[in-house]
Amino acid sequence: MSTIGERIRSIRKLHKYNQTEFAVIIGVSQGTLSELEQDKYKPSLDIIMALHDQFKTDLYWLVYGLNQVSDVSVSKGLGDSEVRLISEYRNLKPSDQDEIRDFIKLKIHRYHLK
């Protein structure tokens, strides 16, 4: 997901809201939400904070499209490339995430057969 509008839309769809319902929750009109999702303009700080407060959205991901490298992930031995992969994975549709998990399971199974 490369744009903030796409990330806003993904939050809405993840929580299974239509545009009208979601707009009420974050305090904008349905038309404004539609324009945000289409990247016609950038959200205000109030909208960004409403998304963060209502849906516990990571601010760094919402604004920049990336997750911050946390001290916890580094202390558990995850390298930068692994953190980036996980970040990108989290941005995928659930069906794409399922496909990747299945592929990884298959690779692990084949590895153990050797």
C-alpha atoms as a PDB file:
ATOM      1  CA  MET A   1       0.000   0.000   0.000  1.00  0.00           C
ATOM      2  CA  SER A   2       1.809   3.048  -1.192  1.00  0.00           C
ATOM      3  CA  THR A   3      -0.561   5.921  -0.410  1.00  0.00           C
ATOM      4  CA  ILE A   4      -2.191   7.208   2.724  1.00  0.00           C
ATOM      5  CA  GLY A   5      -5.581   6.976   1.011  1.00  0.00           C
ATOM      6  CA  GLU A   6      -5.047   3.270   0.382  1.00  0.00           C
ATOM      7  CA  ARG A   7      -4.066   2.773   4.008  1.00  0.00           C
ATOM      8  CA  ILE A   8      -7.194   4.595   5.222  1.00  0.00           C
ATOM      9  CA  ARG A   9      -9.330   2.417   2.928  1.00  0.00           C
ATOM     10  CA  SER A  10      -7.593  -0.718   4.226  1.00  0.00           C
ATOM     11  CA  ILE A  11      -8.411   0.241   7.837  1.00  0.00           C
ATOM     12  CA  ARG A  12     -12.059   0.773   6.904  1.00  0.00           C
ATOM     13  CA  LYS A  13     -12.311  -2.518   5.028  1.00  0.00           C
ATOM     14  CA  LEU A  14     -10.446  -4.437   7.714  1.00  0.00           C
ATOM     15  CA  HIS A  15     -13.111  -3.355  10.211  1.00  0.00           C
ATOM     16  CA  LYS A  16     -15.887  -4.042   7.676  1.00  0.00           C
ATOM     17  CA  TYR A  17     -17.380  -0.541   7.634  1.00  0.00           C
ATOM     18  CA  ASN A  18     -18.959   1.134   4.655  1.00  0.00           C
ATOM     19  CA  GLN A  19     -17.831   4.680   3.896  1.00  0.00           C
ATOM     20  CA  THR A  20     -20.791   6.318   5.655  1.00  0.00           C
ATOM     21  CA  GLU A  21     -20.291   4.386   8.913  1.00  0.00           C
ATOM     22  CA  PHE A  22     -16.538   4.873   8.903  1.00  0.00           C
ATOM     23  CA  ALA A  23     -16.845   8.588   8.165  1.00  0.00           C
ATOM     24  CA  VAL A  24     -19.060   9.079  11.225  1.00  0.00           C
ATOM     25  CA  ILE A  25     -16.554   7.260  13.431  1.00  0.00           C
ATOM     26  CA  ILE A  26     -13.622   9.449  12.350  1.00  0.00           C
ATOM     27  CA  GLY A  27     -15.682  12.643  12.268  1.00  0.00           C
ATOM     28  CA  VAL A  28     -15.828  13.501   8.554  1.00  0.00           C
ATOM     29  CA  SER A  29     -18.477  13.416   5.845  1.00  0.00           C
ATOM     30  CA  GLN A  30     -18.779  10.451   3.509  1.00  0.00           C
ATOM     31  CA  GLY A  31     -17.672  12.690   0.638  1.00  0.00           C
ATOM     32  CA  THR A  32     -14.545  13.747   2.506  1.00  0.00           C
ATOM     33  CA  LEU A  33     -13.725  10.119   3.275  1.00  0.00           C
ATOM     34  CA  SER A  34     -14.159   9.213  -0.375  1.00  0.00           C
ATOM     35  CA  GLU A  35     -11.772  11.995  -1.393  1.00  0.00           C
ATOM     36  CA  LEU A  36      -9.250  10.907   1.254  1.00  0.00           C
ATOM     37  CA  GLU A  37      -9.351   7.314   0.031  1.00  0.00           C
ATOM     38  CA  GLN A  38      -8.796   8.548  -3.530  1.00  0.00           C
ATOM     39  CA  ASP A  39      -5.843  10.672  -2.400  1.00  0.00           C
ATOM     40  CA  LYS A  40      -7.468  13.878  -3.589  1.00  0.00           C
ATOM     41  CA  TYR A  41      -6.029  15.506  -0.484  1.00  0.00           C
ATOM     42  CA  LYS A  42      -4.093  14.554   2.633  1.00  0.00           C
ATOM     43  CA  PRO A  43      -5.875  14.018   5.950  1.00  0.00           C
ATOM     44  CA  SER A  44      -5.628  16.621   8.672  1.00  0.00           C
ATOM     45  CA  LEU A  45      -3.923  15.887  11.964  1.00  0.00           C
ATOM     46  CA  ASP A  46      -7.394  15.542  13.537  1.00  0.00           C
ATOM     47  CA  ILE A  47      -8.310  12.780  11.077  1.00  0.00           C
ATOM     48  CA  ILE A  48      -4.997  10.995  11.574  1.00  0.00           C
ATOM     49  CA  MET A  49      -5.445  11.119  15.348  1.00  0.00           C
ATOM     50  CA  ALA A  50      -9.048   9.888  15.062  1.00  0.00           C
ATOM     51  CA  LEU A  51      -7.817   6.873  13.070  1.00  0.00           C
ATOM     52  CA  HIS A  52      -5.134   6.252  15.664  1.00  0.00           C
ATOM     53  CA  ASP A  53      -7.476   6.649  18.640  1.00  0.00           C
ATOM     54  CA  GLN A  54     -10.452   4.728  17.249  1.00  0.00           C
ATOM     55  CA  PHE A  55      -8.598   1.872  15.539  1.00  0.00           C
ATOM     56  CA  LYS A  56      -5.244   1.800  17.368  1.00  0.00           C
ATOM     57  CA  THR A  57      -3.551   2.478  14.048  1.00  0.00           C
ATOM     58  CA  ASP A  58       0.228   2.795  14.095  1.00  0.00           C
ATOM     59  CA  LEU A  59       0.883   6.449  13.289  1.00  0.00           C
ATOM     60  CA  TYR A  60       4.163   5.768  11.528  1.00  0.00           C
ATOM     61  CA  TRP A  61       2.494   3.203   9.263  1.00  0.00           C
ATOM     62  CA  LEU A  62      -0.484   5.443   8.588  1.00  0.00           C
ATOM     63  CA  VAL A  63       1.602   8.478   7.620  1.00  0.00           C
ATOM     64  CA  TYR A  64       4.624   6.840   5.980  1.00  0.00           C
ATOM     65  CA  GLY A  65       3.428   3.343   5.090  1.00  0.00           C
ATOM     66  CA  LEU A  66       6.124   1.705   7.194  1.00  0.00           C
ATOM     67  CA  ASN A  67       6.308   0.277  10.673  1.00  0.00           C
ATOM     68  CA  GLN A  68       8.984   1.556  13.005  1.00  0.00           C
ATOM     69  CA  VAL A  69      11.719  -0.873  13.927  1.00  0.00           C
ATOM     70  CA  SER A  70      11.049  -1.428  17.589  1.00  0.00           C
ATOM     71  CA  ASP A  71      13.580  -2.294  20.236  1.00  0.00           C
ATOM     72  CA  VAL A  72      11.602  -5.478  20.895  1.00  0.00           C
ATOM     73  CA  SER A  73      11.979  -6.773  17.336  1.00  0.00           C
ATOM     74  CA  VAL A  74      15.694  -5.977  17.276  1.00  0.00           C
ATOM     75  CA  SER A  75      16.257  -7.593  20.666  1.00  0.00           C
ATOM     76  CA  LYS A  76      14.556 -10.762  19.424  1.00  0.00           C
ATOM     77  CA  GLY A  77      17.043 -11.006  16.575  1.00  0.00           C
ATOM     78  CA  LEU A  78      15.034  -9.650  13.664  1.00  0.00           C
ATOM     79  CA  GLY A  79      17.160  -7.884  11.105  1.00  0.00           C
ATOM     80  CA  ASP A  80      16.086  -4.836   9.107  1.00  0.00           C
ATOM     81  CA  SER A  81      15.130  -6.929   6.070  1.00  0.00           C
ATOM     82  CA  GLU A  82      12.962  -9.200   8.226  1.00  0.00           C
ATOM     83  CA  VAL A  83      11.223  -6.230   9.830  1.00  0.00           C
ATOM     84  CA  ARG A  84      10.569  -4.748   6.359  1.00  0.00           C
ATOM     85  CA  LEU A  85       9.124  -8.075   5.158  1.00  0.00           C
ATOM     86  CA  ILE A  86       6.821  -8.252   8.160  1.00  0.00           C
ATOM     87  CA  SER A  87       5.771  -4.637   7.614  1.00  0.00           C
ATOM     88  CA  GLU A  88       4.945  -5.291   3.961  1.00  0.00           C
ATOM     89  CA  TYR A  89       3.144  -8.516   4.888  1.00  0.00           C
ATOM     90  CA  ARG A  90       0.902  -6.621   7.319  1.00  0.00           C
ATOM     91  CA  ASN A  91      -0.095  -4.248   4.519  1.00  0.00           C
ATOM     92  CA  LEU A  92      -1.386  -7.072   2.309  1.00  0.00           C
ATOM     93  CA  LYS A  93      -4.979  -8.213   1.955  1.00  0.00           C
ATOM     94  CA  PRO A  94      -5.870 -11.143   4.248  1.00  0.00           C
ATOM     95  CA  SER A  95      -6.175 -13.505   1.268  1.00  0.00           C
ATOM     96  CA  ASP A  96      -2.649 -12.582   0.154  1.00  0.00           C
ATOM     97  CA  GLN A  97      -1.383 -13.101   3.704  1.00  0.00           C
ATOM     98  CA  ASP A  98      -2.969 -16.575   3.723  1.00  0.00           C
ATOM     99  CA  GLU A  99      -1.247 -17.403   0.438  1.00  0.00           C
ATOM    100  CA  ILE A 100       2.143 -16.349   1.807  1.00  0.00           C
ATOM    101  CA  ARG A 101       1.653 -18.348   5.022  1.00  0.00           C
ATOM    102  CA  ASP A 102       0.773 -21.440   2.968  1.00  0.00           C
ATOM    103  CA  PHE A 103       3.881 -20.966   0.827  1.00  0.00           C
ATOM    104  CA  ILE A 104       6.118 -20.624   3.886  1.00  0.00           C
ATOM    105  CA  LYS A 105       4.598 -23.735   5.464  1.00  0.00           C
ATOM    106  CA  LEU A 106       5.269 -25.653   2.248  1.00  0.00           C
ATOM    107  CA  LYS A 107       8.902 -24.464   2.150  1.00  0.00           C
ATOM    108  CA  ILE A 108       9.411 -25.450   5.811  1.00  0.00           C
ATOM    109  CA  HIS A 109       7.855 -28.855   5.198  1.00  0.00           C
ATOM    110  CA  ARG A 110      10.143 -29.463   2.191  1.00  0.00           C
ATOM    111  CA  TYR A 111      13.148 -28.319   4.217  1.00  0.00           C
ATOM    112  CA  HIS A 112      12.412 -30.887   6.914  1.00  0.00           C
ATOM    113  CA  LEU A 113      12.076 -33.679   4.326  1.00  0.00           C
ATOM    114  CA  LYS A 114      15.722 -33.249   3.253  1.00  0.00           C
END
